[in-house]
């Protein structure tokens, strides 16, 4: 996991020190698994399995966040408003 600490300046000028476990990074690309050549029956099986896996992961994540009282701590930060950035893998 990538841990990032930085100073964040909001548009109103207020400044705060932040520490996050990074989940999404800014990008200009759309990324995904290319299923163009997959036969329809395999695609149906794949999407059903992938959907179930993602649902299980979501439920486990929400349970973990609730256990650590982080259920309402998801935030978005504008990269241009971040300074003094320190990141490390934990």
PDB file of N, CA and C in Angstrom:
ATOM      1  N   UNK A   1       0.844  -1.179   0.000  1.00  0.00           N
ATOM      2  CA  UNK A   1       0.000   0.000   0.000  1.00  0.00           C
ATOM      3  C   UNK A   1       0.883   1.234   0.000  1.00  0.00           C
ATOM      4  N   UNK A   2       0.395   2.267  -0.617  1.00  0.00           N
ATOM      5  CA  UNK A   2       1.157   3.511  -0.665  1.00  0.00           C
ATOM      6  C   UNK A   2       0.596   4.488   0.374  1.00  0.00           C
ATOM      7  N   UNK A   3       1.467   4.921   1.277  1.00  0.00           N
ATOM      8  CA  UNK A   3       1.132   5.882   2.330  1.00  0.00           C
ATOM      9  C   UNK A   3       1.697   7.235   1.912  1.00  0.00           C
ATOM     10  N   UNK A   4       0.871   8.283   1.943  1.00  0.00           N
ATOM     11  CA  UNK A   4       1.295   9.612   1.496  1.00  0.00           C
ATOM     12  C   UNK A   4       0.967  10.643   2.566  1.00  0.00           C
ATOM     13  N   UNK A   5       1.950  11.457   2.905  1.00  0.00           N
ATOM     14  CA  UNK A   5       1.745  12.587   3.811  1.00  0.00           C
ATOM     15  C   UNK A   5       2.000  13.867   3.020  1.00  0.00           C
ATOM     16  N   UNK A   6       1.188  14.905   3.258  1.00  0.00           N
ATOM     17  CA  UNK A   6       1.358  16.157   2.537  1.00  0.00           C
ATOM     18  C   UNK A   6       0.635  17.289   3.252  1.00  0.00           C
ATOM     19  N   UNK A   7       0.969  18.494   2.842  1.00  0.00           N
ATOM     20  CA  UNK A   7       0.282  19.702   3.298  1.00  0.00           C
ATOM     21  C   UNK A   7      -0.715  20.042   2.201  1.00  0.00           C
ATOM     22  N   UNK A   8      -1.982  20.270   2.573  1.00  0.00           N
ATOM     23  CA  UNK A   8      -3.032  20.533   1.589  1.00  0.00           C
ATOM     24  C   UNK A   8      -3.612  21.922   1.806  1.00  0.00           C
ATOM     25  N   UNK A   9      -3.692  22.693   0.708  1.00  0.00           N
ATOM     26  CA  UNK A   9      -4.264  24.037   0.752  1.00  0.00           C
ATOM     27  C   UNK A   9      -5.585  24.024   0.006  1.00  0.00           C
ATOM     28  N   UNK A  10      -6.680  24.266   0.731  1.00  0.00           N
ATOM     29  CA  UNK A  10      -8.004  24.310   0.110  1.00  0.00           C
ATOM     30  C   UNK A  10      -8.161  25.606  -0.676  1.00  0.00           C
ATOM     31  N   UNK A  11      -9.190  25.655  -1.522  1.00  0.00           N
ATOM     32  CA  UNK A  11      -9.420  26.851  -2.335  1.00  0.00           C
ATOM     33  C   UNK A  11      -9.715  28.074  -1.474  1.00  0.00           C
ATOM     34  N   UNK A  12     -10.198  27.865  -0.234  1.00  0.00           N
ATOM     35  CA  UNK A  12     -10.464  29.009   0.650  1.00  0.00           C
ATOM     36  C   UNK A  12      -9.208  29.490   1.364  1.00  0.00           C
ATOM     37  N   UNK A  13      -8.065  28.825   1.082  1.00  0.00           N
ATOM     38  CA  UNK A  13      -6.790  29.233   1.669  1.00  0.00           C
ATOM     39  C   UNK A  13      -6.418  28.499   2.944  1.00  0.00           C
ATOM     40  N   UNK A  14      -7.347  27.738   3.522  1.00  0.00           N
ATOM     41  CA  UNK A  14      -7.014  27.006   4.740  1.00  0.00           C
ATOM     42  C   UNK A  14      -6.053  25.865   4.417  1.00  0.00           C
ATOM     43  N   UNK A  15      -5.135  25.602   5.354  1.00  0.00           N
ATOM     44  CA  UNK A  15      -4.075  24.614   5.153  1.00  0.00           C
ATOM     45  C   UNK A  15      -4.175  23.548   6.232  1.00  0.00           C
ATOM     46  N   UNK A  16      -3.969  22.288   5.836  1.00  0.00           N
ATOM     47  CA  UNK A  16      -3.965  21.200   6.813  1.00  0.00           C
ATOM     48  C   UNK A  16      -2.925  20.164   6.427  1.00  0.00           C
ATOM     49  N   UNK A  17      -2.373  19.481   7.440  1.00  0.00           N
ATOM     50  CA  UNK A  17      -1.466  18.367   7.209  1.00  0.00           C
ATOM     51  C   UNK A  17      -2.327  17.122   7.062  1.00  0.00           C
ATOM     52  N   UNK A  18      -2.042  16.303   6.044  1.00  0.00           N
ATOM     53  CA  UNK A  18      -2.848  15.123   5.759  1.00  0.00           C
ATOM     54  C   UNK A  18      -1.971  13.891   5.663  1.00  0.00           C
ATOM     55  N   UNK A  19      -2.543  12.744   5.945  1.00  0.00           N
ATOM     56  CA  UNK A  19      -1.888  11.447   5.785  1.00  0.00           C
ATOM     57  C   UNK A  19      -2.940  10.488   5.244  1.00  0.00           C
ATOM     58  N   UNK A  20      -2.637   9.853   4.106  1.00  0.00           N
ATOM     59  CA  UNK A  20      -3.620   8.974   3.484  1.00  0.00           C
ATOM     60  C   UNK A  20      -2.979   7.655   3.032  1.00  0.00           C
ATOM     61  N   UNK A  21      -3.803   6.632   2.927  1.00  0.00           N
ATOM     62  CA  UNK A  21      -3.460   5.414   2.207  1.00  0.00           C
ATOM     63  C   UNK A  21      -4.020   5.651   0.811  1.00  0.00           C
ATOM     64  N   UNK A  22      -3.156   5.769  -0.184  1.00  0.00           N
ATOM     65  CA  UNK A  22      -3.580   6.132  -1.532  1.00  0.00           C
ATOM     66  C   UNK A  22      -4.354   4.985  -2.190  1.00  0.00           C
ATOM     67  N   UNK A  23      -5.551   5.292  -2.700  1.00  0.00           N
ATOM     68  CA  UNK A  23      -6.372   4.317  -3.407  1.00  0.00           C
ATOM     69  C   UNK A  23      -6.423   4.574  -4.900  1.00  0.00           C
ATOM     70  N   UNK A  24      -6.450   5.841  -5.285  1.00  0.00           N
ATOM     71  CA  UNK A  24      -6.545   6.221  -6.699  1.00  0.00           C
ATOM     72  C   UNK A  24      -5.559   7.348  -6.942  1.00  0.00           C
ATOM     73  N   UNK A  25      -4.839   7.281  -8.073  1.00  0.00           N
ATOM     74  CA  UNK A  25      -3.920   8.353  -8.423  1.00  0.00           C
ATOM     75  C   UNK A  25      -4.427   9.057  -9.673  1.00  0.00           C
ATOM     76  N   UNK A  26      -4.094  10.321  -9.842  1.00  0.00           N
ATOM     77  CA  UNK A  26      -4.524  11.037 -11.043  1.00  0.00           C
ATOM     78  C   UNK A  26      -3.954  10.382 -12.300  1.00  0.00           C
ATOM     79  N   UNK A  27      -4.751  10.304 -13.337  1.00  0.00           N
ATOM     80  CA  UNK A  27      -4.301   9.719 -14.589  1.00  0.00           C
ATOM     81  C   UNK A  27      -5.125  10.269 -15.743  1.00  0.00           C
ATOM     82  N   UNK A  28      -4.558  10.249 -16.928  1.00  0.00           N
ATOM     83  CA  UNK A  28      -5.293  10.693 -18.103  1.00  0.00           C
ATOM     84  C   UNK A  28      -5.781   9.514 -18.931  1.00  0.00           C
ATOM     85  N   UNK A  29      -5.520   8.295 -18.464  1.00  0.00           N
ATOM     86  CA  UNK A  29      -5.865   7.097 -19.204  1.00  0.00           C
ATOM     87  C   UNK A  29      -7.076   6.381 -18.609  1.00  0.00           C
ATOM     88  N   UNK A  30      -7.798   5.663 -19.452  1.00  0.00           N
ATOM     89  CA  UNK A  30      -8.807   4.721 -19.001  1.00  0.00           C
ATOM     90  C   UNK A  30      -8.137   3.353 -19.045  1.00  0.00           C
ATOM     91  N   UNK A  31      -8.126   2.657 -17.930  1.00  0.00           N
ATOM     92  CA  UNK A  31      -7.438   1.375 -17.852  1.00  0.00           C
ATOM     93  C   UNK A  31      -8.436   0.269 -17.595  1.00  0.00           C
ATOM     94  N   UNK A  32      -8.177  -0.904 -18.146  1.00  0.00           N
ATOM     95  CA  UNK A  32      -9.069  -2.018 -17.912  1.00  0.00           C
ATOM     96  C   UNK A  32      -8.581  -3.290 -18.569  1.00  0.00           C
ATOM     97  N   UNK A  33      -9.336  -4.341 -18.377  1.00  0.00           N
ATOM     98  CA  UNK A  33      -9.055  -5.643 -18.972  1.00  0.00           C
ATOM     99  C   UNK A  33      -9.739  -5.682 -20.332  1.00  0.00           C
ATOM    100  N   UNK A  34      -8.980  -5.927 -21.381  1.00  0.00           N
ATOM    101  CA  UNK A  34      -9.533  -5.960 -22.737  1.00  0.00           C
ATOM    102  C   UNK A  34     -10.201  -7.316 -22.981  1.00  0.00           C
ATOM    103  N   UNK A  35     -11.514  -7.315 -23.118  1.00  0.00           N
ATOM    104  CA  UNK A  35     -12.283  -8.547 -23.338  1.00  0.00           C
ATOM    105  C   UNK A  35     -12.860  -8.596 -24.750  1.00  0.00           C
ATOM    106  N   UNK A  36     -12.282  -7.833 -25.657  1.00  0.00           N
ATOM    107  CA  UNK A  36     -12.780  -7.728 -27.024  1.00  0.00           C
ATOM    108  C   UNK A  36     -12.922  -9.087 -27.694  1.00  0.00           C
ATOM    109  N   UNK A  37     -11.941  -9.955 -27.538  1.00  0.00           N
ATOM    110  CA  UNK A  37     -11.920 -11.241 -28.238  1.00  0.00           C
ATOM    111  C   UNK A  37     -12.560 -12.386 -27.438  1.00  0.00           C
ATOM    112  N   UNK A  38     -13.091 -12.102 -26.259  1.00  0.00           N
ATOM    113  CA  UNK A  38     -13.636 -13.162 -25.411  1.00  0.00           C
ATOM    114  C   UNK A  38     -14.997 -13.618 -25.930  1.00  0.00           C
ATOM    115  N   UNK A  39     -15.215 -14.941 -26.073  1.00  0.00           N
ATOM    116  CA  UNK A  39     -16.529 -15.442 -26.478  1.00  0.00           C
ATOM    117  C   UNK A  39     -17.610 -15.046 -25.463  1.00  0.00           C
ATOM    118  N   UNK A  40     -18.815 -14.851 -25.930  1.00  0.00           N
ATOM    119  CA  UNK A  40     -19.899 -14.326 -25.089  1.00  0.00           C
ATOM    120  C   UNK A  40     -20.158 -15.182 -23.852  1.00  0.00           C
ATOM    121  N   UNK A  41     -20.137 -16.511 -23.992  1.00  0.00           N
ATOM    122  CA  UNK A  41     -20.402 -17.362 -22.832  1.00  0.00           C
ATOM    123  C   UNK A  41     -19.292 -17.245 -21.786  1.00  0.00           C
ATOM    124  N   UNK A  42     -18.033 -17.143 -22.234  1.00  0.00           N
ATOM    125  CA  UNK A  42     -16.925 -16.941 -21.302  1.00  0.00           C
ATOM    126  C   UNK A  42     -17.002 -15.559 -20.655  1.00  0.00           C
ATOM    127  N   UNK A  43     -17.410 -14.561 -21.451  1.00  0.00           N
ATOM    128  CA  UNK A  43     -17.561 -13.206 -20.927  1.00  0.00           C
ATOM    129  C   UNK A  43     -18.597 -13.197 -19.804  1.00  0.00           C
ATOM    130  N   UNK A  44     -19.717 -13.884 -20.006  1.00  0.00           N
ATOM    131  CA  UNK A  44     -20.773 -13.943 -18.986  1.00  0.00           C
ATOM    132  C   UNK A  44     -20.242 -14.587 -17.700  1.00  0.00           C
ATOM    133  N   UNK A  45     -19.514 -15.695 -17.838  1.00  0.00           N
ATOM    134  CA  UNK A  45     -18.959 -16.369 -16.666  1.00  0.00           C
ATOM    135  C   UNK A  45     -17.912 -15.502 -15.972  1.00  0.00           C
ATOM    136  N   UNK A  46     -17.063 -14.869 -16.774  1.00  0.00           N
ATOM    137  CA  UNK A  46     -16.021 -14.003 -16.224  1.00  0.00           C
ATOM    138  C   UNK A  46     -16.624 -12.830 -15.451  1.00  0.00           C
ATOM    139  N   UNK A  47     -17.601 -12.147 -16.050  1.00  0.00           N
ATOM    140  CA  UNK A  47     -18.178 -10.972 -15.390  1.00  0.00           C
ATOM    141  C   UNK A  47     -18.936 -11.352 -14.126  1.00  0.00           C
ATOM    142  N   UNK A  48     -19.583 -12.518 -14.124  1.00  0.00           N
ATOM    143  CA  UNK A  48     -20.272 -12.970 -12.910  1.00  0.00           C
ATOM    144  C   UNK A  48     -19.267 -13.229 -11.796  1.00  0.00           C
ATOM    145  N   UNK A  49     -18.159 -13.920 -12.121  1.00  0.00           N
ATOM    146  CA  UNK A  49     -17.130 -14.208 -11.119  1.00  0.00           C
ATOM    147  C   UNK A  49     -16.455 -12.929 -10.632  1.00  0.00           C
ATOM    148  N   UNK A  50     -16.147 -12.020 -11.570  1.00  0.00           N
ATOM    149  CA  UNK A  50     -15.500 -10.758 -11.211  1.00  0.00           C
ATOM    150  C   UNK A  50     -16.431  -9.916 -10.327  1.00  0.00           C
ATOM    151  N   UNK A  51     -17.698  -9.878 -10.668  1.00  0.00           N
ATOM    152  CA  UNK A  51     -18.670  -9.116  -9.887  1.00  0.00           C
ATOM    153  C   UNK A  51     -18.765  -9.650  -8.457  1.00  0.00           C
ATOM    154  N   UNK A  52     -18.835 -10.959  -8.312  1.00  0.00           N
ATOM    155  CA  UNK A  52     -18.911 -11.575  -6.977  1.00  0.00           C
ATOM    156  C   UNK A  52     -17.643 -11.270  -6.180  1.00  0.00           C
ATOM    157  N   UNK A  53     -16.492 -11.378  -6.824  1.00  0.00           N
ATOM    158  CA  UNK A  53     -15.228 -11.098  -6.154  1.00  0.00           C
ATOM    159  C   UNK A  53     -15.185  -9.640  -5.671  1.00  0.00           C
ATOM    160  N   UNK A  54     -15.594  -8.718  -6.539  1.00  0.00           N
ATOM    161  CA  UNK A  54     -15.585  -7.295  -6.173  1.00  0.00           C
ATOM    162  C   UNK A  54     -16.578  -7.011  -5.046  1.00  0.00           C
ATOM    163  N   UNK A  55     -17.737  -7.666  -5.066  1.00  0.00           N
ATOM    164  CA  UNK A  55     -18.736  -7.490  -4.006  1.00  0.00           C
ATOM    165  C   UNK A  55     -18.168  -7.983  -2.671  1.00  0.00           C
ATOM    166  N   UNK A  56     -17.538  -9.153  -2.685  1.00  0.00           N
ATOM    167  CA  UNK A  56     -16.923  -9.679  -1.455  1.00  0.00           C
ATOM    168  C   UNK A  56     -15.844  -8.731  -0.936  1.00  0.00           C
ATOM    169  N   UNK A  57     -15.023  -8.220  -1.844  1.00  0.00           N
ATOM    170  CA  UNK A  57     -13.961  -7.287  -1.454  1.00  0.00           C
ATOM    171  C   UNK A  57     -14.568  -6.015  -0.850  1.00  0.00           C
ATOM    172  N   UNK A  58     -15.601  -5.497  -1.474  1.00  0.00           N
ATOM    173  CA  UNK A  58     -16.260  -4.290  -0.961  1.00  0.00           C
ATOM    174  C   UNK A  58     -16.815  -4.525   0.448  1.00  0.00           C
ATOM    175  N   UNK A  59     -17.484  -5.650   0.636  1.00  0.00           N
ATOM    176  CA  UNK A  59     -18.057  -5.949   1.954  1.00  0.00           C
ATOM    177  C   UNK A  59     -16.964  -6.067   3.013  1.00  0.00           C
ATOM    178  N   UNK A  60     -15.849  -6.735   2.670  1.00  0.00           N
ATOM    179  CA  UNK A  60     -14.741  -6.869   3.613  1.00  0.00           C
ATOM    180  C   UNK A  60     -14.109  -5.514   3.914  1.00  0.00           C
ATOM    181  N   UNK A  61     -13.961  -4.682   2.899  1.00  0.00           N
ATOM    182  CA  UNK A  61     -13.395  -3.345   3.091  1.00  0.00           C
ATOM    183  C   UNK A  61     -14.275  -2.504   3.999  1.00  0.00           C
ATOM    184  N   UNK A  62     -15.589  -2.525   3.747  1.00  0.00           N
ATOM    185  CA  UNK A  62     -16.507  -1.727   4.567  1.00  0.00           C
ATOM    186  C   UNK A  62     -16.500  -2.210   6.018  1.00  0.00           C
ATOM    187  N   UNK A  63     -16.392  -3.518   6.223  1.00  0.00           N
ATOM    188  CA  UNK A  63     -16.321  -4.063   7.583  1.00  0.00           C
ATOM    189  C   UNK A  63     -15.041  -3.604   8.277  1.00  0.00           C
ATOM    190  N   UNK A  64     -13.917  -3.648   7.551  1.00  0.00           N
ATOM    191  CA  UNK A  64     -12.646  -3.194   8.124  1.00  0.00           C
ATOM    192  C   UNK A  64     -12.705  -1.707   8.472  1.00  0.00           C
ATOM    193  N   UNK A  65     -13.234  -0.890   7.560  1.00  0.00           N
ATOM    194  CA  UNK A  65     -13.356   0.552   7.829  1.00  0.00           C
ATOM    195  C   UNK A  65     -14.234   0.809   9.046  1.00  0.00           C
ATOM    196  N   UNK A  66     -15.326   0.083   9.162  1.00  0.00           N
ATOM    197  CA  UNK A  66     -16.220   0.246  10.317  1.00  0.00           C
ATOM    198  C   UNK A  66     -15.499  -0.154  11.607  1.00  0.00           C
ATOM    199  N   UNK A  67     -14.738  -1.245  11.565  1.00  0.00           N
ATOM    200  CA  UNK A  67     -14.013  -1.707  12.759  1.00  0.00           C
ATOM    201  C   UNK A  67     -13.004  -0.685  13.261  1.00  0.00           C
ATOM    202  N   UNK A  68     -12.457   0.115  12.343  1.00  0.00           N
ATOM    203  CA  UNK A  68     -11.468   1.124  12.722  1.00  0.00           C
ATOM    204  C   UNK A  68     -12.050   2.539  12.705  1.00  0.00           C
ATOM    205  N   UNK A  69     -13.370   2.653  12.666  1.00  0.00           N
ATOM    206  CA  UNK A  69     -14.083   3.933  12.669  1.00  0.00           C
ATOM    207  C   UNK A  69     -13.582   4.860  11.548  1.00  0.00           C
ATOM    208  N   UNK A  70     -13.401   4.295  10.348  1.00  0.00           N
ATOM    209  CA  UNK A  70     -12.944   5.065   9.186  1.00  0.00           C
ATOM    210  C   UNK A  70     -13.985   5.080   8.073  1.00  0.00           C
ATOM    211  N   UNK A  71     -15.193   4.671   8.379  1.00  0.00           N
ATOM    212  CA  UNK A  71     -16.232   4.501   7.368  1.00  0.00           C
ATOM    213  C   UNK A  71     -16.537   5.791   6.604  1.00  0.00           C
ATOM    214  N   UNK A  72     -16.344   6.929   7.237  1.00  0.00           N
ATOM    215  CA  UNK A  72     -16.673   8.215   6.603  1.00  0.00           C
ATOM    216  C   UNK A  72     -15.425   9.062   6.344  1.00  0.00           C
ATOM    217  N   UNK A  73     -14.275   8.426   6.119  1.00  0.00           N
ATOM    218  CA  UNK A  73     -13.019   9.156   5.960  1.00  0.00           C
ATOM    219  C   UNK A  73     -12.463   9.144   4.543  1.00  0.00           C
ATOM    220  N   UNK A  74     -13.260   8.781   3.550  1.00  0.00           N
ATOM    221  CA  UNK A  74     -12.788   8.813   2.165  1.00  0.00           C
ATOM    222  C   UNK A  74     -12.705  10.267   1.733  1.00  0.00           C
ATOM    223  N   UNK A  75     -11.577  10.672   1.166  1.00  0.00           N
ATOM    224  CA  UNK A  75     -11.363  12.059   0.740  1.00  0.00           C
ATOM    225  C   UNK A  75     -10.756  12.091  -0.651  1.00  0.00           C
ATOM    226  N   UNK A  76     -10.964  13.222  -1.339  1.00  0.00           N
ATOM    227  CA  UNK A  76     -10.315  13.493  -2.626  1.00  0.00           C
ATOM    228  C   UNK A  76      -9.476  14.749  -2.466  1.00  0.00           C
ATOM    229  N   UNK A  77      -8.279  14.748  -3.060  1.00  0.00           N
ATOM    230  CA  UNK A  77      -7.393  15.898  -2.977  1.00  0.00           C
ATOM    231  C   UNK A  77      -6.943  16.288  -4.377  1.00  0.00           C
ATOM    232  N   UNK A  78      -6.903  17.565  -4.651  1.00  0.00           N
ATOM    233  CA  UNK A  78      -6.448  18.092  -5.932  1.00  0.00           C
ATOM    234  C   UNK A  78      -4.918  18.137  -5.886  1.00  0.00           C
ATOM    235  N   UNK A  79      -4.241  17.389  -6.771  1.00  0.00           N
ATOM    236  CA  UNK A  79      -2.775  17.304  -6.692  1.00  0.00           C
ATOM    237  C   UNK A  79      -2.067  18.658  -6.713  1.00  0.00           C
ATOM    238  N   UNK A  80      -2.574  19.614  -7.474  1.00  0.00           N
ATOM    239  CA  UNK A  80      -1.929  20.935  -7.552  1.00  0.00           C
ATOM    240  C   UNK A  80      -1.995  21.687  -6.224  1.00  0.00           C
ATOM    241  N   UNK A  81      -2.822  21.255  -5.301  1.00  0.00           N
ATOM    242  CA  UNK A  81      -2.944  21.923  -4.011  1.00  0.00           C
ATOM    243  C   UNK A  81      -2.197  21.162  -2.906  1.00  0.00           C
ATOM    244  N   UNK A  82      -1.399  20.173  -3.298  1.00  0.00           N
ATOM    245  CA  UNK A  82      -0.618  19.388  -2.353  1.00  0.00           C
ATOM    246  C   UNK A  82       0.846  19.836  -2.406  1.00  0.00           C
ATOM    247  N   UNK A  83       1.473  20.001  -1.243  1.00  0.00           N
ATOM    248  CA  UNK A  83       2.890  20.342  -1.163  1.00  0.00           C
ATOM    249  C   UNK A  83       3.543  19.493  -0.083  1.00  0.00           C
ATOM    250  N   UNK A  84       4.866  19.547  -0.023  1.00  0.00           N
ATOM    251  CA  UNK A  84       5.635  18.791   0.993  1.00  0.00           C
ATOM    252  C   UNK A  84       5.222  17.313   1.009  1.00  0.00           C
ATOM    253  N   UNK A  85       5.152  16.713  -0.153  1.00  0.00           N
ATOM    254  CA  UNK A  85       4.660  15.332  -0.286  1.00  0.00           C
ATOM    255  C   UNK A  85       5.761  14.333   0.065  1.00  0.00           C
ATOM    256  N   UNK A  86       5.409  13.408   0.935  1.00  0.00           N
ATOM    257  CA  UNK A  86       6.286  12.305   1.326  1.00  0.00           C
ATOM    258  C   UNK A  86       5.475  11.036   1.128  1.00  0.00           C
ATOM    259  N   UNK A  87       6.006  10.086   0.366  1.00  0.00           N
ATOM    260  CA  UNK A  87       5.270   8.830   0.178  1.00  0.00           C
ATOM    261  C   UNK A  87       6.194   7.646   0.403  1.00  0.00           C
ATOM    262  N   UNK A  88       5.596   6.563   0.898  1.00  0.00           N
ATOM    263  CA  UNK A  88       6.325   5.331   1.114  1.00  0.00           C
ATOM    264  C   UNK A  88       5.354   4.159   1.007  1.00  0.00           C
ATOM    265  N   UNK A  89       5.878   3.010   0.744  1.00  0.00           N
ATOM    266  CA  UNK A  89       5.050   1.815   0.687  1.00  0.00           C
ATOM    267  C   UNK A  89       5.068   1.153   2.054  1.00  0.00           C
ATOM    268  N   UNK A  90       3.885   0.836   2.560  1.00  0.00           N
ATOM    269  CA  UNK A  90       3.754   0.234   3.893  1.00  0.00           C
ATOM    270  C   UNK A  90       3.122  -1.132   3.786  1.00  0.00           C
TER     271      UNK A  90
END
